[in-house]
């Protein structure tokens, strides 16, 4: 049975997942809370705000890469296939 991802759910990024806009950076194991879900089931976009543990462990290289591409490093948009309930 598939997980029911909804706003407020704590999630963890699955093994083997890289940042969508920074594919050279692994985000596997990172954790956060779903803030928004959009789209139809099967093709939904899951917006995740990283938790303090992830932010504290986030590398300066990742933050710098985000800044260079004008990306917001405090959150990410992933698919249902990329995450699991924490």
C-alpha atoms as a PDB file:
ATOM      1  CA  UNK A   1       0.000   0.000   0.000  1.00  0.00           C
ATOM      2  CA  UNK A   2       1.372   3.401  -0.991  1.00  0.00           C
ATOM      3  CA  UNK A   3       2.029   5.994   1.664  1.00  0.00           C
ATOM      4  CA  UNK A   4      -0.418   8.874   1.919  1.00  0.00           C
ATOM      5  CA  UNK A   5       1.835  11.909   1.680  1.00  0.00           C
ATOM      6  CA  UNK A   6       0.179  15.075   2.937  1.00  0.00           C
ATOM      7  CA  UNK A   7       1.189  18.413   4.457  1.00  0.00           C
ATOM      8  CA  UNK A   8       2.709  17.952   7.906  1.00  0.00           C
ATOM      9  CA  UNK A   9       4.071  14.447   7.255  1.00  0.00           C
ATOM     10  CA  UNK A  10       7.710  13.849   8.215  1.00  0.00           C
ATOM     11  CA  UNK A  11       9.607  12.175   5.384  1.00  0.00           C
ATOM     12  CA  UNK A  12      13.056  10.901   4.483  1.00  0.00           C
ATOM     13  CA  UNK A  13      14.637  10.894   1.037  1.00  0.00           C
ATOM     14  CA  UNK A  14      15.259   7.372  -0.258  1.00  0.00           C
ATOM     15  CA  UNK A  15      18.704   5.953  -1.001  1.00  0.00           C
ATOM     16  CA  UNK A  16      20.098   6.846  -4.418  1.00  0.00           C
ATOM     17  CA  UNK A  17      18.212  10.142  -4.777  1.00  0.00           C
ATOM     18  CA  UNK A  18      20.095  13.255  -5.868  1.00  0.00           C
ATOM     19  CA  UNK A  19      18.951  16.869  -5.769  1.00  0.00           C
ATOM     20  CA  UNK A  20      16.702  17.483  -8.807  1.00  0.00           C
ATOM     21  CA  UNK A  21      18.494  20.646  -9.943  1.00  0.00           C
ATOM     22  CA  UNK A  22      21.926  19.569  -8.679  1.00  0.00           C
ATOM     23  CA  UNK A  23      22.304  15.934  -9.774  1.00  0.00           C
ATOM     24  CA  UNK A  24      25.917  15.815  -8.597  1.00  0.00           C
ATOM     25  CA  UNK A  25      24.685  16.180  -4.973  1.00  0.00           C
ATOM     26  CA  UNK A  26      23.127  13.239  -3.129  1.00  0.00           C
ATOM     27  CA  UNK A  27      20.258  14.082  -0.791  1.00  0.00           C
ATOM     28  CA  UNK A  28      19.659  10.458   0.248  1.00  0.00           C
ATOM     29  CA  UNK A  29      18.702  10.183   3.914  1.00  0.00           C
ATOM     30  CA  UNK A  30      17.832  13.868   4.271  1.00  0.00           C
ATOM     31  CA  UNK A  31      14.706  14.497   6.333  1.00  0.00           C
ATOM     32  CA  UNK A  32      12.040  17.156   6.488  1.00  0.00           C
ATOM     33  CA  UNK A  33       8.348  17.936   6.603  1.00  0.00           C
ATOM     34  CA  UNK A  34       5.943  18.096   3.683  1.00  0.00           C
ATOM     35  CA  UNK A  35       4.611  21.631   3.301  1.00  0.00           C
ATOM     36  CA  UNK A  36       2.565  21.187   0.137  1.00  0.00           C
ATOM     37  CA  UNK A  37       1.403  18.536  -2.314  1.00  0.00           C
ATOM     38  CA  UNK A  38       0.305  19.442  -5.836  1.00  0.00           C
ATOM     39  CA  UNK A  39      -0.784  17.555  -8.930  1.00  0.00           C
ATOM     40  CA  UNK A  40      -2.680  14.341  -9.523  1.00  0.00           C
ATOM     41  CA  UNK A  41      -1.922  11.082  -7.757  1.00  0.00           C
ATOM     42  CA  UNK A  42       0.918   9.280  -9.500  1.00  0.00           C
ATOM     43  CA  UNK A  43       2.446  12.528 -10.768  1.00  0.00           C
ATOM     44  CA  UNK A  44       2.286  14.638  -7.634  1.00  0.00           C
ATOM     45  CA  UNK A  45       4.952  17.096  -6.613  1.00  0.00           C
ATOM     46  CA  UNK A  46       5.890  16.971  -2.951  1.00  0.00           C
ATOM     47  CA  UNK A  47       7.316  20.163  -1.436  1.00  0.00           C
ATOM     48  CA  UNK A  48       9.556  19.440   1.553  1.00  0.00           C
ATOM     49  CA  UNK A  49      11.076  21.846   4.045  1.00  0.00           C
ATOM     50  CA  UNK A  50      14.295  20.425   5.482  1.00  0.00           C
ATOM     51  CA  UNK A  51      14.426  19.887   9.242  1.00  0.00           C
ATOM     52  CA  UNK A  52      17.112  21.261  11.558  1.00  0.00           C
ATOM     53  CA  UNK A  53      19.086  18.005  11.523  1.00  0.00           C
ATOM     54  CA  UNK A  54      19.387  18.112   7.732  1.00  0.00           C
ATOM     55  CA  UNK A  55      20.165  21.824   7.651  1.00  0.00           C
ATOM     56  CA  UNK A  56      22.905  21.392  10.260  1.00  0.00           C
ATOM     57  CA  UNK A  57      24.473  18.540   8.268  1.00  0.00           C
ATOM     58  CA  UNK A  58      24.113  20.245   4.863  1.00  0.00           C
ATOM     59  CA  UNK A  59      27.482  20.839   3.239  1.00  0.00           C
ATOM     60  CA  UNK A  60      28.776  24.272   2.354  1.00  0.00           C
ATOM     61  CA  UNK A  61      29.369  22.942  -1.170  1.00  0.00           C
ATOM     62  CA  UNK A  62      25.654  22.173  -1.532  1.00  0.00           C
ATOM     63  CA  UNK A  63      24.660  25.599  -0.208  1.00  0.00           C
ATOM     64  CA  UNK A  64      27.149  27.271  -2.574  1.00  0.00           C
ATOM     65  CA  UNK A  65      25.848  25.272  -5.558  1.00  0.00           C
ATOM     66  CA  UNK A  66      22.287  26.338  -4.676  1.00  0.00           C
ATOM     67  CA  UNK A  67      23.340  29.962  -4.418  1.00  0.00           C
ATOM     68  CA  UNK A  68      25.110  29.832  -7.795  1.00  0.00           C
ATOM     69  CA  UNK A  69      21.952  28.478  -9.449  1.00  0.00           C
ATOM     70  CA  UNK A  70      19.688  30.814  -7.450  1.00  0.00           C
ATOM     71  CA  UNK A  71      17.982  27.889  -5.730  1.00  0.00           C
ATOM     72  CA  UNK A  72      16.454  27.930  -2.263  1.00  0.00           C
ATOM     73  CA  UNK A  73      18.443  25.433  -0.145  1.00  0.00           C
ATOM     74  CA  UNK A  74      15.922  25.259   2.717  1.00  0.00           C
ATOM     75  CA  UNK A  75      13.451  23.138   0.772  1.00  0.00           C
ATOM     76  CA  UNK A  76      13.055  20.851  -2.230  1.00  0.00           C
ATOM     77  CA  UNK A  77      10.370  19.544  -4.581  1.00  0.00           C
ATOM     78  CA  UNK A  78      10.444  15.774  -5.141  1.00  0.00           C
ATOM     79  CA  UNK A  79       8.135  13.021  -6.355  1.00  0.00           C
ATOM     80  CA  UNK A  80       6.431  10.342  -4.287  1.00  0.00           C
ATOM     81  CA  UNK A  81       8.933   7.790  -5.609  1.00  0.00           C
ATOM     82  CA  UNK A  82      11.821   9.726  -4.012  1.00  0.00           C
ATOM     83  CA  UNK A  83      10.596   9.727  -0.402  1.00  0.00           C
ATOM     84  CA  UNK A  84       9.305   7.554   2.402  1.00  0.00           C
ATOM     85  CA  UNK A  85       7.617   8.311   5.701  1.00  0.00           C
ATOM     86  CA  UNK A  86      10.270   8.992   8.362  1.00  0.00           C
END
